[in-house]
Amino acid sequence: MASQTQGIQQLLTAEKRAAEKVAEARKRKAKRIKQAREEAQAEIERYRQERERLFREYEAKYMGSKEDVAAKIDKNAQILIQDLHTEVENNKERVLMELLDLVCNIQPEVHRNYFVMNPRD
């Protein structure tokens, strides 16, 4: 009986050591996964920063700075406004005369779609 108890005791000890090794392996695996995740995040961040830097260089090279773009837009808007003012001044008198002519010189006419069903001739 002592040998059976000793065998059972050895089995329990072995099972306990195996459970400890499995737990330790799980901890190492979790630690490796966490480290890999952190490394991946760092790599993603480096890649994002590099792409942003390249984009800013491209933007500066081909589009100029934001202030330059805003200045060009303002300049074009001022030119368009000035052109519109010139057109107004050039055509104001003619348009007023046409409006007055239309308002003052009314010529009554029967609409071309009007027809009488029962004429009183």
N, C-alpha and C. Protein backbone atom coordinates (compact mmCIF):
# COMPACT_ATOMS: atom_id res chain seq x y z
N MET A 1 0.81 -1.18 0.00
CA MET A 1 0.00 0.00 0.00
C MET A 1 0.86 1.26 0.00
N ALA A 2 1.95 1.18 0.65
CA ALA A 2 2.84 2.32 0.71
C ALA A 2 3.34 2.65 -0.69
N SER A 3 3.57 1.63 -1.49
CA SER A 3 4.07 1.88 -2.84
C SER A 3 2.98 2.52 -3.68
N GLN A 4 1.70 2.14 -3.44
CA GLN A 4 0.61 2.76 -4.18
C GLN A 4 0.48 4.23 -3.79
N THR A 5 0.59 4.51 -2.51
CA THR A 5 0.48 5.87 -2.04
C THR A 5 1.63 6.70 -2.58
N GLN A 6 2.82 6.07 -2.59
CA GLN A 6 3.98 6.76 -3.12
C GLN A 6 3.80 7.01 -4.61
N GLY A 7 3.25 6.08 -5.36
CA GLY A 7 3.00 6.25 -6.80
C GLY A 7 1.98 7.35 -7.06
N ILE A 8 0.93 7.36 -6.24
CA ILE A 8 -0.09 8.40 -6.38
C ILE A 8 0.51 9.76 -6.07
N GLN A 9 1.35 9.77 -5.04
CA GLN A 9 2.00 11.03 -4.66
C GLN A 9 2.88 11.54 -5.79
N GLN A 10 3.62 10.63 -6.42
CA GLN A 10 4.47 11.01 -7.54
C GLN A 10 3.63 11.53 -8.71
N LEU A 11 2.52 10.89 -8.98
CA LEU A 11 1.63 11.34 -10.06
C LEU A 11 1.08 12.74 -9.76
N LEU A 12 0.68 12.97 -8.53
CA LEU A 12 0.15 14.29 -8.17
C LEU A 12 1.23 15.36 -8.31
N THR A 13 2.45 15.02 -7.88
CA THR A 13 3.57 15.96 -7.99
C THR A 13 3.86 16.25 -9.46
N ALA A 14 3.88 15.21 -10.28
CA ALA A 14 4.14 15.39 -11.71
C ALA A 14 3.04 16.22 -12.36
N GLU A 15 1.82 15.96 -11.97
CA GLU A 15 0.70 16.74 -12.52
C GLU A 15 0.81 18.21 -12.11
N LYS A 16 1.21 18.44 -10.89
CA LYS A 16 1.36 19.82 -10.40
C LYS A 16 2.47 20.53 -11.17
N ARG A 17 3.63 19.85 -11.38
CA ARG A 17 4.72 20.44 -12.15
C ARG A 17 4.30 20.71 -13.59
N ALA A 18 3.54 19.79 -14.17
CA ALA A 18 3.08 19.97 -15.54
C ALA A 18 2.14 21.19 -15.63
N ALA A 19 1.27 21.33 -14.65
CA ALA A 19 0.36 22.48 -14.63
C ALA A 19 1.14 23.78 -14.50
N GLU A 20 2.20 23.77 -13.68
CA GLU A 20 3.04 24.95 -13.51
C GLU A 20 3.75 25.30 -14.82
N LYS A 21 4.26 24.26 -15.51
CA LYS A 21 4.95 24.50 -16.79
C LYS A 21 3.98 25.05 -17.84
N VAL A 22 2.75 24.52 -17.87
CA VAL A 22 1.74 25.02 -18.83
C VAL A 22 1.40 26.47 -18.52
N ALA A 23 1.25 26.78 -17.23
CA ALA A 23 0.93 28.15 -16.84
C ALA A 23 2.07 29.09 -17.23
N GLU A 24 3.32 28.63 -16.98
CA GLU A 24 4.48 29.44 -17.34
C GLU A 24 4.56 29.63 -18.86
N ALA A 25 4.27 28.60 -19.62
CA ALA A 25 4.28 28.70 -21.09
C ALA A 25 3.21 29.68 -21.56
N ARG A 26 2.04 29.65 -20.94
CA ARG A 26 0.98 30.60 -21.31
C ARG A 26 1.41 32.03 -21.02
N LYS A 27 2.08 32.24 -19.89
CA LYS A 27 2.55 33.58 -19.55
C LYS A 27 3.57 34.07 -20.57
N ARG A 28 4.52 33.16 -20.95
CA ARG A 28 5.52 33.54 -21.95
C ARG A 28 4.86 33.86 -23.29
N LYS A 29 3.87 33.05 -23.66
CA LYS A 29 3.17 33.28 -24.92
C LYS A 29 2.44 34.62 -24.90
N ALA A 30 1.75 34.93 -23.80
CA ALA A 30 1.05 36.21 -23.67
C ALA A 30 2.04 37.37 -23.74
N LYS A 31 3.20 37.19 -23.10
CA LYS A 31 4.22 38.23 -23.10
C LYS A 31 4.75 38.45 -24.52
N ARG A 32 5.00 37.35 -25.27
CA ARG A 32 5.48 37.47 -26.65
C ARG A 32 4.44 38.14 -27.54
N ILE A 33 3.17 37.80 -27.36
CA ILE A 33 2.11 38.41 -28.15
C ILE A 33 2.02 39.91 -27.86
N LYS A 34 2.11 40.27 -26.58
CA LYS A 34 2.06 41.68 -26.20
C LYS A 34 3.24 42.43 -26.80
N GLN A 35 4.43 41.85 -26.74
CA GLN A 35 5.62 42.49 -27.29
C GLN A 35 5.49 42.64 -28.81
N ALA A 36 4.98 41.61 -29.48
CA ALA A 36 4.81 41.67 -30.94
C ALA A 36 3.80 42.76 -31.30
N ARG A 37 2.74 42.87 -30.52
CA ARG A 37 1.73 43.90 -30.77
C ARG A 37 2.33 45.29 -30.61
N GLU A 38 3.14 45.48 -29.56
CA GLU A 38 3.78 46.79 -29.35
C GLU A 38 4.75 47.11 -30.48
N GLU A 39 5.52 46.12 -30.92
CA GLU A 39 6.44 46.33 -32.03
C GLU A 39 5.68 46.68 -33.31
N ALA A 40 4.57 46.00 -33.54
CA ALA A 40 3.77 46.28 -34.74
C ALA A 40 3.21 47.70 -34.69
N GLN A 41 2.74 48.12 -33.51
CA GLN A 41 2.21 49.48 -33.37
C GLN A 41 3.31 50.51 -33.63
N ALA A 42 4.50 50.25 -33.10
CA ALA A 42 5.63 51.16 -33.31
C ALA A 42 5.97 51.23 -34.80
N GLU A 43 5.97 50.10 -35.47
CA GLU A 43 6.28 50.08 -36.91
C GLU A 43 5.21 50.82 -37.71
N ILE A 44 3.96 50.62 -37.34
CA ILE A 44 2.87 51.32 -38.01
C ILE A 44 3.02 52.83 -37.82
N GLU A 45 3.35 53.24 -36.62
CA GLU A 45 3.53 54.67 -36.34
C GLU A 45 4.69 55.25 -37.15
N ARG A 46 5.81 54.52 -37.24
CA ARG A 46 6.94 54.99 -38.04
C ARG A 46 6.53 55.12 -39.51
N TYR A 47 5.81 54.13 -40.02
CA TYR A 47 5.37 54.16 -41.42
C TYR A 47 4.43 55.34 -41.66
N ARG A 48 3.51 55.58 -40.73
CA ARG A 48 2.56 56.69 -40.87
C ARG A 48 3.31 58.03 -40.88
N GLN A 49 4.28 58.19 -39.98
CA GLN A 49 5.05 59.42 -39.94
C GLN A 49 5.84 59.62 -41.23
N GLU A 50 6.42 58.56 -41.75
CA GLU A 50 7.18 58.66 -43.01
C GLU A 50 6.27 59.07 -44.16
N ARG A 51 5.08 58.47 -44.24
CA ARG A 51 4.14 58.81 -45.32
C ARG A 51 3.66 60.26 -45.18
N GLU A 52 3.42 60.72 -43.97
CA GLU A 52 3.01 62.11 -43.76
C GLU A 52 4.13 63.06 -44.17
N ARG A 53 5.36 62.71 -43.86
CA ARG A 53 6.48 63.55 -44.25
C ARG A 53 6.58 63.63 -45.77
N LEU A 54 6.44 62.48 -46.44
CA LEU A 54 6.49 62.48 -47.90
C LEU A 54 5.35 63.28 -48.50
N PHE A 55 4.17 63.18 -47.90
CA PHE A 55 3.03 63.95 -48.40
C PHE A 55 3.27 65.45 -48.25
N ARG A 56 3.79 65.87 -47.09
CA ARG A 56 4.07 67.29 -46.88
C ARG A 56 5.10 67.79 -47.88
N GLU A 57 6.11 66.98 -48.17
CA GLU A 57 7.11 67.37 -49.17
C GLU A 57 6.47 67.50 -50.55
N TYR A 58 5.65 66.54 -50.91
CA TYR A 58 4.97 66.57 -52.21
C TYR A 58 4.06 67.79 -52.31
N GLU A 59 3.31 68.04 -51.23
CA GLU A 59 2.40 69.18 -51.21
C GLU A 59 3.17 70.49 -51.35
N ALA A 60 4.27 70.61 -50.65
CA ALA A 60 5.06 71.84 -50.73
C ALA A 60 5.68 71.99 -52.11
N LYS A 61 6.08 70.89 -52.72
CA LYS A 61 6.73 70.95 -54.02
C LYS A 61 5.75 71.32 -55.13
N TYR A 62 4.58 70.72 -55.14
CA TYR A 62 3.66 70.89 -56.25
C TYR A 62 2.53 71.88 -56.01
N MET A 63 2.15 72.08 -54.77
CA MET A 63 1.03 72.98 -54.51
C MET A 63 1.46 74.26 -53.81
N GLY A 64 2.61 74.29 -53.29
CA GLY A 64 3.03 75.45 -52.53
C GLY A 64 2.46 75.39 -51.13
N SER A 65 2.69 76.43 -50.39
CA SER A 65 2.18 76.44 -49.02
C SER A 65 0.69 76.82 -49.02
N LYS A 66 0.04 76.59 -47.92
CA LYS A 66 -1.37 76.92 -47.80
C LYS A 66 -1.60 78.42 -47.94
N GLU A 67 -0.66 79.22 -47.46
CA GLU A 67 -0.79 80.67 -47.57
C GLU A 67 -0.72 81.09 -49.03
N ASP A 68 0.16 80.44 -49.82
CA ASP A 68 0.26 80.76 -51.24
C ASP A 68 -1.04 80.43 -51.96
N VAL A 69 -1.60 79.29 -51.64
CA VAL A 69 -2.86 78.89 -52.27
C VAL A 69 -3.96 79.87 -51.90
N ALA A 70 -4.05 80.25 -50.65
CA ALA A 70 -5.07 81.20 -50.20
C ALA A 70 -4.87 82.55 -50.89
N ALA A 71 -3.63 82.98 -51.04
CA ALA A 71 -3.35 84.26 -51.71
C ALA A 71 -3.77 84.21 -53.18
N LYS A 72 -3.51 83.09 -53.84
CA LYS A 72 -3.92 82.94 -55.24
C LYS A 72 -5.44 82.99 -55.37
N ILE A 73 -6.13 82.31 -54.47
CA ILE A 73 -7.59 82.30 -54.50
C ILE A 73 -8.14 83.72 -54.29
N ASP A 74 -7.58 84.43 -53.32
CA ASP A 74 -8.02 85.80 -53.06
C ASP A 74 -7.77 86.70 -54.27
N LYS A 75 -6.62 86.55 -54.88
CA LYS A 75 -6.28 87.37 -56.05
C LYS A 75 -7.25 87.09 -57.19
N ASN A 76 -7.53 85.81 -57.45
CA ASN A 76 -8.46 85.46 -58.52
C ASN A 76 -9.87 85.98 -58.22
N ALA A 77 -10.28 85.91 -56.96
CA ALA A 77 -11.60 86.42 -56.59
C ALA A 77 -11.68 87.92 -56.80
N GLN A 78 -10.64 88.65 -56.44
CA GLN A 78 -10.63 90.10 -56.65
C GLN A 78 -10.67 90.45 -58.14
N ILE A 79 -9.98 89.69 -58.95
CA ILE A 79 -10.00 89.93 -60.40
C ILE A 79 -11.41 89.69 -60.95
N LEU A 80 -12.05 88.60 -60.52
CA LEU A 80 -13.41 88.31 -60.98
C LEU A 80 -14.39 89.39 -60.53
N ILE A 81 -14.26 89.84 -59.31
CA ILE A 81 -15.15 90.90 -58.80
C ILE A 81 -14.96 92.17 -59.61
N GLN A 82 -13.72 92.51 -59.89
CA GLN A 82 -13.43 93.71 -60.67
C GLN A 82 -14.01 93.59 -62.08
N ASP A 83 -13.90 92.41 -62.68
CA ASP A 83 -14.48 92.19 -64.01
C ASP A 83 -16.00 92.34 -63.97
N LEU A 84 -16.63 91.83 -62.93
CA LEU A 84 -18.08 91.97 -62.80
C LEU A 84 -18.49 93.44 -62.64
N HIS A 85 -17.75 94.19 -61.86
CA HIS A 85 -18.04 95.62 -61.70
C HIS A 85 -17.90 96.35 -63.04
N THR A 86 -16.90 96.00 -63.80
CA THR A 86 -16.70 96.62 -65.11
C THR A 86 -17.87 96.29 -66.04
N GLU A 87 -18.30 95.04 -66.04
CA GLU A 87 -19.44 94.64 -66.87
C GLU A 87 -20.70 95.38 -66.47
N VAL A 88 -20.92 95.53 -65.16
CA VAL A 88 -22.09 96.27 -64.69
C VAL A 88 -22.05 97.70 -65.19
N GLU A 89 -20.92 98.34 -65.04
CA GLU A 89 -20.80 99.73 -65.48
C GLU A 89 -21.00 99.86 -66.99
N ASN A 90 -20.48 98.92 -67.74
CA ASN A 90 -20.61 98.98 -69.20
C ASN A 90 -22.03 98.74 -69.67
N ASN A 91 -22.80 97.93 -68.97
CA ASN A 91 -24.12 97.52 -69.45
C ASN A 91 -25.28 98.12 -68.66
N LYS A 92 -24.99 98.91 -67.64
CA LYS A 92 -26.05 99.43 -66.79
C LYS A 92 -27.05 100.28 -67.57
N GLU A 93 -26.56 101.20 -68.36
CA GLU A 93 -27.44 102.11 -69.10
C GLU A 93 -28.31 101.36 -70.10
N ARG A 94 -27.73 100.43 -70.82
CA ARG A 94 -28.48 99.67 -71.82
C ARG A 94 -29.58 98.83 -71.16
N VAL A 95 -29.27 98.17 -70.06
CA VAL A 95 -30.25 97.33 -69.38
C VAL A 95 -31.38 98.19 -68.82
N LEU A 96 -31.06 99.34 -68.24
CA LEU A 96 -32.10 100.23 -67.71
C LEU A 96 -33.02 100.71 -68.83
N MET A 97 -32.46 101.06 -69.97
CA MET A 97 -33.27 101.52 -71.10
C MET A 97 -34.18 100.39 -71.59
N GLU A 98 -33.67 99.18 -71.66
CA GLU A 98 -34.51 98.06 -72.10
C GLU A 98 -35.64 97.81 -71.10
N LEU A 99 -35.35 97.86 -69.82
CA LEU A 99 -36.39 97.66 -68.81
C LEU A 99 -37.46 98.75 -68.90
N LEU A 100 -37.02 100.00 -69.00
CA LEU A 100 -37.98 101.09 -69.12
C LEU A 100 -38.82 100.95 -70.38
N ASP A 101 -38.20 100.55 -71.46
CA ASP A 101 -38.92 100.36 -72.71
C ASP A 101 -39.97 99.27 -72.56
N LEU A 102 -39.63 98.18 -71.93
CA LEU A 102 -40.59 97.10 -71.73
C LEU A 102 -41.73 97.51 -70.81
N VAL A 103 -41.45 98.30 -69.82
CA VAL A 103 -42.47 98.71 -68.85
C VAL A 103 -43.38 99.80 -69.45
N CYS A 104 -42.79 100.73 -70.15
CA CYS A 104 -43.57 101.88 -70.63
C CYS A 104 -44.28 101.63 -71.96
N ASN A 105 -43.76 100.84 -72.82
CA ASN A 105 -44.33 100.61 -74.15
C ASN A 105 -45.03 99.27 -74.20
N ILE A 106 -46.21 99.23 -73.61
CA ILE A 106 -46.97 97.98 -73.57
C ILE A 106 -47.82 97.89 -74.83
N GLN A 107 -47.79 96.79 -75.49
CA GLN A 107 -48.61 96.55 -76.67
C GLN A 107 -49.51 95.36 -76.37
N PRO A 108 -50.77 95.61 -76.08
CA PRO A 108 -51.66 94.50 -75.74
C PRO A 108 -51.90 93.59 -76.95
N GLU A 109 -51.79 92.32 -76.74
CA GLU A 109 -52.00 91.33 -77.79
C GLU A 109 -52.73 90.14 -77.18
N VAL A 110 -53.48 89.46 -78.01
CA VAL A 110 -54.12 88.23 -77.58
C VAL A 110 -53.08 87.13 -77.65
N HIS A 111 -53.04 86.36 -76.62
CA HIS A 111 -52.05 85.29 -76.58
C HIS A 111 -52.31 84.30 -77.70
N ARG A 112 -51.27 83.76 -78.29
CA ARG A 112 -51.42 82.88 -79.44
C ARG A 112 -52.16 81.58 -79.11
N ASN A 113 -52.18 81.17 -77.88
CA ASN A 113 -52.88 79.96 -77.49
C ASN A 113 -54.35 80.21 -77.14
N TYR A 114 -54.75 81.47 -77.10
CA TYR A 114 -56.13 81.79 -76.76
C TYR A 114 -57.04 81.54 -77.97
N PHE A 115 -58.12 80.86 -77.74
CA PHE A 115 -59.12 80.71 -78.80
C PHE A 115 -60.48 80.77 -78.16
N VAL A 116 -61.44 81.19 -78.94
CA VAL A 116 -62.79 81.36 -78.44
C VAL A 116 -63.64 80.21 -78.96
N MET A 117 -64.31 79.56 -78.04
CA MET A 117 -65.17 78.45 -78.44
C MET A 117 -66.44 78.94 -79.12
N ASN A 118 -67.06 79.94 -78.57
CA ASN A 118 -68.28 80.50 -79.13
C ASN A 118 -68.06 81.99 -79.44
N PRO A 119 -67.59 82.28 -80.63
CA PRO A 119 -67.34 83.71 -80.93
C PRO A 119 -68.68 84.45 -81.06
N ARG A 120 -68.71 85.72 -80.75
CA ARG A 120 -69.93 86.54 -80.79
C ARG A 120 -69.94 87.40 -82.05
N ASP A 121 -69.54 86.90 -83.14
CA ASP A 121 -69.52 87.66 -84.39
C ASP A 121 -70.89 87.98 -84.87
